[in-house]
Amino acid sequence: MTQPFSCKEVFDRLQDYLDRELSPEEIAAVDAHLEDCKMCSTEYKFEANVLRYVADNLAEVPVPVDLNDRLASLLKSA
């Protein structure tokens, strides 16, 4: 059975946890800690809500059709 992480270990991994970039073992350890630690659980919920808000409010900006060609040309001349 995976041992839960300490608060510091969770805080050190929180962004990777939110981005789903941890190993299954690390995810299990963070999950176990978040179940028992109100402080870390509150921080996790805050961070998750910030990410959700940003994602929901990002405006799509149309990219010019010729952008790739212009970038390629600039890189070749550099």
PDB file of N, CA and C in Angstrom:
ATOM      1  N   MET A   1       0.843  -1.190   0.000  1.00  0.00           N
ATOM      2  CA  MET A   1       0.000   0.000   0.000  1.00  0.00           C
ATOM      3  C   MET A   1       0.881   1.243   0.000  1.00  0.00           C
ATOM      4  N   THR A   2       0.501   2.228  -0.769  1.00  0.00           N
ATOM      5  CA  THR A   2       1.254   3.464  -0.886  1.00  0.00           C
ATOM      6  C   THR A   2       1.063   4.325   0.349  1.00  0.00           C
ATOM      7  N   GLN A   3       2.170   4.863   0.865  1.00  0.00           N
ATOM      8  CA  GLN A   3       2.104   5.766   2.012  1.00  0.00           C
ATOM      9  C   GLN A   3       1.685   7.150   1.533  1.00  0.00           C
ATOM     10  N   PRO A   4       0.772   7.801   2.252  1.00  0.00           N
ATOM     11  CA  PRO A   4       0.419   9.178   1.874  1.00  0.00           C
ATOM     12  C   PRO A   4       1.625  10.100   2.020  1.00  0.00           C
ATOM     13  N   PHE A   5       1.646  11.131   1.223  1.00  0.00           N
ATOM     14  CA  PHE A   5       2.694  12.139   1.308  1.00  0.00           C
ATOM     15  C   PHE A   5       2.442  13.077   2.477  1.00  0.00           C
ATOM     16  N   SER A   6       3.500  13.781   2.877  1.00  0.00           N
ATOM     17  CA  SER A   6       3.370  14.856   3.855  1.00  0.00           C
ATOM     18  C   SER A   6       2.810  16.087   3.134  1.00  0.00           C
ATOM     19  N   CYS A   7       2.443  17.107   3.899  1.00  0.00           N
ATOM     20  CA  CYS A   7       1.950  18.352   3.292  1.00  0.00           C
ATOM     21  C   CYS A   7       2.980  18.932   2.321  1.00  0.00           C
ATOM     22  N   LYS A   8       4.230  18.964   2.713  1.00  0.00           N
ATOM     23  CA  LYS A   8       5.281  19.507   1.842  1.00  0.00           C
ATOM     24  C   LYS A   8       5.376  18.708   0.551  1.00  0.00           C
ATOM     25  N   GLU A   9       5.326  17.391   0.665  1.00  0.00           N
ATOM     26  CA  GLU A   9       5.416  16.548  -0.532  1.00  0.00           C
ATOM     27  C   GLU A   9       4.224  16.792  -1.471  1.00  0.00           C
ATOM     28  N   VAL A  10       3.056  17.014  -0.888  1.00  0.00           N
ATOM     29  CA  VAL A  10       1.875  17.300  -1.704  1.00  0.00           C
ATOM     30  C   VAL A  10       2.026  18.658  -2.379  1.00  0.00           C
ATOM     31  N   PHE A  11       2.417  19.680  -1.604  1.00  0.00           N
ATOM     32  CA  PHE A  11       2.593  21.014  -2.187  1.00  0.00           C
ATOM     33  C   PHE A  11       3.641  20.998  -3.294  1.00  0.00           C
ATOM     34  N   ASP A  12       4.699  20.226  -3.110  1.00  0.00           N
ATOM     35  CA  ASP A  12       5.745  20.131  -4.135  1.00  0.00           C
ATOM     36  C   ASP A  12       5.236  19.488  -5.425  1.00  0.00           C
ATOM     37  N   ARG A  13       4.176  18.695  -5.331  1.00  0.00           N
ATOM     38  CA  ARG A  13       3.668  17.957  -6.491  1.00  0.00           C
ATOM     39  C   ARG A  13       2.304  18.449  -6.972  1.00  0.00           C
ATOM     40  N   LEU A  14       1.752  19.461  -6.330  1.00  0.00           N
ATOM     41  CA  LEU A  14       0.375  19.840  -6.605  1.00  0.00           C
ATOM     42  C   LEU A  14       0.147  20.230  -8.060  1.00  0.00           C
ATOM     43  N   GLN A  15       1.026  21.019  -8.648  1.00  0.00           N
ATOM     44  CA  GLN A  15       0.832  21.414 -10.046  1.00  0.00           C
ATOM     45  C   GLN A  15       0.908  20.202 -10.975  1.00  0.00           C
ATOM     46  N   ASP A  16       1.855  19.314 -10.719  1.00  0.00           N
ATOM     47  CA  ASP A  16       1.951  18.106 -11.544  1.00  0.00           C
ATOM     48  C   ASP A  16       0.727  17.214 -11.344  1.00  0.00           C
ATOM     49  N   TYR A  17       0.195  17.185 -10.131  1.00  0.00           N
ATOM     50  CA  TYR A  17      -1.018  16.422  -9.847  1.00  0.00           C
ATOM     51  C   TYR A  17      -2.182  16.997 -10.647  1.00  0.00           C
ATOM     52  N   LEU A  18      -2.316  18.315 -10.627  1.00  0.00           N
ATOM     53  CA  LEU A  18      -3.390  18.971 -11.369  1.00  0.00           C
ATOM     54  C   LEU A  18      -3.235  18.761 -12.869  1.00  0.00           C
ATOM     55  N   ASP A  19      -2.010  18.712 -13.342  1.00  0.00           N
ATOM     56  CA  ASP A  19      -1.728  18.505 -14.768  1.00  0.00           C
ATOM     57  C   ASP A  19      -1.703  17.034 -15.157  1.00  0.00           C
ATOM     58  N   ARG A  20      -1.929  16.156 -14.192  1.00  0.00           N
ATOM     59  CA  ARG A  20      -1.939  14.701 -14.404  1.00  0.00           C
ATOM     60  C   ARG A  20      -0.609  14.200 -14.943  1.00  0.00           C
ATOM     61  N   GLU A  21       0.459  14.711 -14.325  1.00  0.00           N
ATOM     62  CA  GLU A  21       1.802  14.335 -14.756  1.00  0.00           C
ATOM     63  C   GLU A  21       2.550  13.504 -13.718  1.00  0.00           C
ATOM     64  N   LEU A  22       1.832  12.915 -12.784  1.00  0.00           N
ATOM     65  CA  LEU A  22       2.466  12.074 -11.758  1.00  0.00           C
ATOM     66  C   LEU A  22       2.297  10.606 -12.105  1.00  0.00           C
ATOM     67  N   SER A  23       3.149   9.804 -11.509  1.00  0.00           N
ATOM     68  CA  SER A  23       3.018   8.355 -11.669  1.00  0.00           C
ATOM     69  C   SER A  23       1.773   7.884 -10.916  1.00  0.00           C
ATOM     70  N   PRO A  24       1.273   6.710 -11.255  1.00  0.00           N
ATOM     71  CA  PRO A  24       0.110   6.181 -10.522  1.00  0.00           C
ATOM     72  C   PRO A  24       0.357   6.089  -9.013  1.00  0.00           C
ATOM     73  N   GLU A  25       1.577   5.744  -8.618  1.00  0.00           N
ATOM     74  CA  GLU A  25       1.897   5.641  -7.188  1.00  0.00           C
ATOM     75  C   GLU A  25       1.841   7.007  -6.510  1.00  0.00           C
ATOM     76  N   GLU A  26       2.379   8.036  -7.211  1.00  0.00           N
ATOM     77  CA  GLU A  26       2.344   9.387  -6.643  1.00  0.00           C
ATOM     78  C   GLU A  26       0.911   9.908  -6.568  1.00  0.00           C
ATOM     79  N   ILE A  27       0.115   9.626  -7.573  1.00  0.00           N
ATOM     80  CA  ILE A  27      -1.295  10.040  -7.554  1.00  0.00           C
ATOM     81  C   ILE A  27      -2.000   9.408  -6.369  1.00  0.00           C
ATOM     82  N   ALA A  28      -1.763   8.131  -6.129  1.00  0.00           N
ATOM     83  CA  ALA A  28      -2.388   7.447  -4.994  1.00  0.00           C
ATOM     84  C   ALA A  28      -1.957   8.068  -3.669  1.00  0.00           C
ATOM     85  N   ALA A  29      -0.681   8.427  -3.557  1.00  0.00           N
ATOM     86  CA  ALA A  29      -0.182   9.030  -2.321  1.00  0.00           C
ATOM     87  C   ALA A  29      -0.785  10.418  -2.108  1.00  0.00           C
ATOM     88  N   VAL A  30      -0.900  11.202  -3.174  1.00  0.00           N
ATOM     89  CA  VAL A  30      -1.525  12.527  -3.050  1.00  0.00           C
ATOM     90  C   VAL A  30      -2.997  12.368  -2.704  1.00  0.00           C
ATOM     91  N   ASP A  31      -3.689  11.470  -3.394  1.00  0.00           N
ATOM     92  CA  ASP A  31      -5.105  11.220  -3.103  1.00  0.00           C
ATOM     93  C   ASP A  31      -5.312  10.865  -1.632  1.00  0.00           C
ATOM     94  N   ALA A  32      -4.474   9.969  -1.135  1.00  0.00           N
ATOM     95  CA  ALA A  32      -4.601   9.539   0.263  1.00  0.00           C
ATOM     96  C   ALA A  32      -4.406  10.716   1.207  1.00  0.00           C
ATOM     97  N   HIS A  33      -3.437  11.564   0.910  1.00  0.00           N
ATOM     98  CA  HIS A  33      -3.181  12.724   1.765  1.00  0.00           C
ATOM     99  C   HIS A  33      -4.348  13.709   1.705  1.00  0.00           C
ATOM    100  N   LEU A  34      -4.852  13.968   0.497  1.00  0.00           N
ATOM    101  CA  LEU A  34      -5.946  14.928   0.344  1.00  0.00           C
ATOM    102  C   LEU A  34      -7.218  14.479   1.052  1.00  0.00           C
ATOM    103  N   GLU A  35      -7.400  13.177   1.178  1.00  0.00           N
ATOM    104  CA  GLU A  35      -8.571  12.656   1.896  1.00  0.00           C
ATOM    105  C   GLU A  35      -8.534  13.013   3.377  1.00  0.00           C
ATOM    106  N   ASP A  36      -7.327  13.119   3.939  1.00  0.00           N
ATOM    107  CA  ASP A  36      -7.187  13.313   5.383  1.00  0.00           C
ATOM    108  C   ASP A  36      -6.772  14.716   5.798  1.00  0.00           C
ATOM    109  N   CYS A  37      -6.276  15.531   4.884  1.00  0.00           N
ATOM    110  CA  CYS A  37      -5.718  16.831   5.255  1.00  0.00           C
ATOM    111  C   CYS A  37      -6.590  17.959   4.700  1.00  0.00           C
ATOM    112  N   LYS A  38      -7.300  18.613   5.606  1.00  0.00           N
ATOM    113  CA  LYS A  38      -8.201  19.689   5.186  1.00  0.00           C
ATOM    114  C   LYS A  38      -7.434  20.850   4.557  1.00  0.00           C
ATOM    115  N   MET A  39      -6.279  21.211   5.099  1.00  0.00           N
ATOM    116  CA  MET A  39      -5.502  22.323   4.570  1.00  0.00           C
ATOM    117  C   MET A  39      -5.081  22.056   3.118  1.00  0.00           C
ATOM    118  N   CYS A  40      -4.524  20.898   2.864  1.00  0.00           N
ATOM    119  CA  CYS A  40      -4.072  20.562   1.507  1.00  0.00           C
ATOM    120  C   CYS A  40      -5.259  20.387   0.569  1.00  0.00           C
ATOM    121  N   SER A  41      -6.337  19.820   1.060  1.00  0.00           N
ATOM    122  CA  SER A  41      -7.526  19.653   0.245  1.00  0.00           C
ATOM    123  C   SER A  41      -8.102  21.001  -0.166  1.00  0.00           C
ATOM    124  N   THR A  42      -8.093  21.951   0.750  1.00  0.00           N
ATOM    125  CA  THR A  42      -8.567  23.303   0.450  1.00  0.00           C
ATOM    126  C   THR A  42      -7.674  23.960  -0.594  1.00  0.00           C
ATOM    127  N   GLU A  43      -6.374  23.812  -0.453  1.00  0.00           N
ATOM    128  CA  GLU A  43      -5.437  24.382  -1.424  1.00  0.00           C
ATOM    129  C   GLU A  43      -5.625  23.737  -2.792  1.00  0.00           C
ATOM    130  N   TYR A  44      -5.788  22.421  -2.810  1.00  0.00           N
ATOM    131  CA  TYR A  44      -6.024  21.711  -4.072  1.00  0.00           C
ATOM    132  C   TYR A  44      -7.293  22.237  -4.752  1.00  0.00           C
ATOM    133  N   LYS A  45      -8.374  22.371  -3.997  1.00  0.00           N
ATOM    134  CA  LYS A  45      -9.632  22.851  -4.571  1.00  0.00           C
ATOM    135  C   LYS A  45      -9.476  24.270  -5.118  1.00  0.00           C
ATOM    136  N   PHE A  46      -8.750  25.119  -4.391  1.00  0.00           N
ATOM    137  CA  PHE A  46      -8.512  26.483  -4.859  1.00  0.00           C
ATOM    138  C   PHE A  46      -7.751  26.468  -6.180  1.00  0.00           C
ATOM    139  N   GLU A  47      -6.648  25.720  -6.216  1.00  0.00           N
ATOM    140  CA  GLU A  47      -5.820  25.652  -7.432  1.00  0.00           C
ATOM    141  C   GLU A  47      -6.616  25.070  -8.604  1.00  0.00           C
ATOM    142  N   ALA A  48      -7.399  24.039  -8.354  1.00  0.00           N
ATOM    143  CA  ALA A  48      -8.208  23.422  -9.410  1.00  0.00           C
ATOM    144  C   ALA A  48      -9.243  24.407  -9.936  1.00  0.00           C
ATOM    145  N   ASN A  49      -9.842  25.194  -9.042  1.00  0.00           N
ATOM    146  CA  ASN A  49     -10.826  26.190  -9.469  1.00  0.00           C
ATOM    147  C   ASN A  49     -10.181  27.296 -10.294  1.00  0.00           C
ATOM    148  N   VAL A  50      -8.972  27.707  -9.926  1.00  0.00           N
ATOM    149  CA  VAL A  50      -8.255  28.726 -10.708  1.00  0.00           C
ATOM    150  C   VAL A  50      -7.998  28.200 -12.121  1.00  0.00           C
ATOM    151  N   LEU A  51      -7.496  26.990 -12.225  1.00  0.00           N
ATOM    152  CA  LEU A  51      -7.237  26.406 -13.548  1.00  0.00           C
ATOM    153  C   LEU A  51      -8.514  26.293 -14.374  1.00  0.00           C
ATOM    154  N   ARG A  52      -9.588  25.865 -13.721  1.00  0.00           N
ATOM    155  CA  ARG A  52     -10.865  25.726 -14.416  1.00  0.00           C
ATOM    156  C   ARG A  52     -11.359  27.100 -14.902  1.00  0.00           C
ATOM    157  N   TYR A  53     -11.239  28.111 -14.042  1.00  0.00           N
ATOM    158  CA  TYR A  53     -11.661  29.462 -14.413  1.00  0.00           C
ATOM    159  C   TYR A  53     -10.860  29.981 -15.610  1.00  0.00           C
ATOM    160  N   VAL A  54      -9.557  29.802 -15.559  1.00  0.00           N
ATOM    161  CA  VAL A  54      -8.708  30.264 -16.655  1.00  0.00           C
ATOM    162  C   VAL A  54      -9.083  29.534 -17.951  1.00  0.00           C
ATOM    163  N   ALA A  55      -9.225  28.238 -17.873  1.00  0.00           N
ATOM    164  CA  ALA A  55      -9.568  27.459 -19.068  1.00  0.00           C
ATOM    165  C   ALA A  55     -10.925  27.866 -19.630  1.00  0.00           C
ATOM    166  N   ASP A  56     -11.883  28.126 -18.751  1.00  0.00           N
ATOM    167  CA  ASP A  56     -13.224  28.496 -19.200  1.00  0.00           C
ATOM    168  C   ASP A  56     -13.269  29.900 -19.792  1.00  0.00           C
ATOM    169  N   ASN A  57     -12.317  30.743 -19.424  1.00  0.00           N
ATOM    170  CA  ASN A  57     -12.373  32.135 -19.847  1.00  0.00           C
ATOM    171  C   ASN A  57     -11.313  32.529 -20.873  1.00  0.00           C
ATOM    172  N   LEU A  58     -10.566  31.565 -21.348  1.00  0.00           N
ATOM    173  CA  LEU A  58      -9.599  31.865 -22.402  1.00  0.00           C
ATOM    174  C   LEU A  58     -10.345  32.143 -23.701  1.00  0.00           C
ATOM    175  N   ALA A  59      -9.973  33.210 -24.333  1.00  0.00           N
ATOM    176  CA  ALA A  59     -10.581  33.520 -25.622  1.00  0.00           C
ATOM    177  C   ALA A  59      -9.753  32.871 -26.721  1.00  0.00           C
ATOM    178  N   GLU A  60     -10.433  32.318 -27.676  1.00  0.00           N
ATOM    179  CA  GLU A  60      -9.716  31.771 -28.816  1.00  0.00           C
ATOM    180  C   GLU A  60      -9.347  32.922 -29.735  1.00  0.00           C
ATOM    181  N   VAL A  61      -8.081  32.982 -30.065  1.00  0.00           N
ATOM    182  CA  VAL A  61      -7.586  34.033 -30.950  1.00  0.00           C
ATOM    183  C   VAL A  61      -7.298  33.400 -32.297  1.00  0.00           C
ATOM    184  N   PRO A  62      -7.921  33.932 -33.339  1.00  0.00           N
ATOM    185  CA  PRO A  62      -7.659  33.340 -34.653  1.00  0.00           C
ATOM    186  C   PRO A  62      -6.206  33.551 -35.066  1.00  0.00           C
ATOM    187  N   VAL A  63      -5.617  32.499 -35.585  1.00  0.00           N
ATOM    188  CA  VAL A  63      -4.221  32.549 -36.042  1.00  0.00           C
ATOM    189  C   VAL A  63      -4.230  32.843 -37.534  1.00  0.00           C
ATOM    190  N   PRO A  64      -3.428  33.818 -37.965  1.00  0.00           N
ATOM    191  CA  PRO A  64      -3.380  34.099 -39.405  1.00  0.00           C
ATOM    192  C   PRO A  64      -3.002  32.850 -40.202  1.00  0.00           C
ATOM    193  N   VAL A  65      -3.630  32.680 -41.329  1.00  0.00           N
ATOM    194  CA  VAL A  65      -3.429  31.503 -42.177  1.00  0.00           C
ATOM    195  C   VAL A  65      -1.966  31.339 -42.565  1.00  0.00           C
ATOM    196  N   ASP A  66      -1.277  32.436 -42.813  1.00  0.00           N
ATOM    197  CA  ASP A  66       0.105  32.357 -43.285  1.00  0.00           C
ATOM    198  C   ASP A  66       1.143  32.388 -42.156  1.00  0.00           C
ATOM    199  N   LEU A  67       0.719  32.231 -40.933  1.00  0.00           N
ATOM    200  CA  LEU A  67       1.650  32.329 -39.805  1.00  0.00           C
ATOM    201  C   LEU A  67       2.788  31.318 -39.898  1.00  0.00           C
ATOM    202  N   ASN A  68       2.479  30.067 -40.184  1.00  0.00           N
ATOM    203  CA  ASN A  68       3.531  29.042 -40.283  1.00  0.00           C
ATOM    204  C   ASN A  68       4.558  29.395 -41.345  1.00  0.00           C
ATOM    205  N   ASP A  69       4.088  29.868 -42.492  1.00  0.00           N
ATOM    206  CA  ASP A  69       5.007  30.235 -43.568  1.00  0.00           C
ATOM    207  C   ASP A  69       5.884  31.421 -43.156  1.00  0.00           C
ATOM    208  N   ARG A  70       5.299  32.410 -42.519  1.00  0.00           N
ATOM    209  CA  ARG A  70       6.064  33.583 -42.090  1.00  0.00           C
ATOM    210  C   ARG A  70       7.101  33.195 -41.047  1.00  0.00           C
ATOM    211  N   LEU A  71       6.726  32.331 -40.090  1.00  0.00           N
ATOM    212  CA  LEU A  71       7.680  31.877 -39.069  1.00  0.00           C
ATOM    213  C   LEU A  71       8.814  31.083 -39.703  1.00  0.00           C
ATOM    214  N   ALA A  72       8.481  30.196 -40.615  1.00  0.00           N
ATOM    215  CA  ALA A  72       9.507  29.398 -41.286  1.00  0.00           C
ATOM    216  C   ALA A  72      10.474  30.302 -42.039  1.00  0.00           C
ATOM    217  N   SER A  73       9.942  31.315 -42.704  1.00  0.00           N
ATOM    218  CA  SER A  73      10.788  32.249 -43.438  1.00  0.00           C
ATOM    219  C   SER A  73      11.708  33.031 -42.494  1.00  0.00           C
ATOM    220  N   LEU A  74      11.168  33.466 -41.385  1.00  0.00           N
ATOM    221  CA  LEU A  74      11.975  34.197 -40.398  1.00  0.00           C
ATOM    222  C   LEU A  74      13.082  33.313 -39.817  1.00  0.00           C
ATOM    223  N   LEU A  75      12.756  32.072 -39.552  1.00  0.00           N
ATOM    224  CA  LEU A  75      13.757  31.156 -38.996  1.00  0.00           C
ATOM    225  C   LEU A  75      14.857  30.864 -39.999  1.00  0.00           C
ATOM    226  N   LYS A  76      14.502  30.737 -41.261  1.00  0.00           N
ATOM    227  CA  LYS A  76      15.508  30.471 -42.289  1.00  0.00           C
ATOM    228  C   LYS A  76      16.451  31.653 -42.454  1.00  0.00           C
ATOM    229  N   SER A  77      15.930  32.873 -42.300  1.00  0.00           N
ATOM    230  CA  SER A  77      16.761  34.060 -42.485  1.00  0.00           C
ATOM    231  C   SER A  77      17.561  34.417 -41.238  1.00  0.00           C
ATOM    232  N   ALA A  78      17.261  33.790 -40.129  1.00  0.00           N
ATOM    233  CA  ALA A  78      17.974  34.119 -38.880  1.00  0.00           C
ATOM    234  C   ALA A  78      19.324  33.442 -38.786  1.00  0.00           C
TER     235      ALA A  78
END
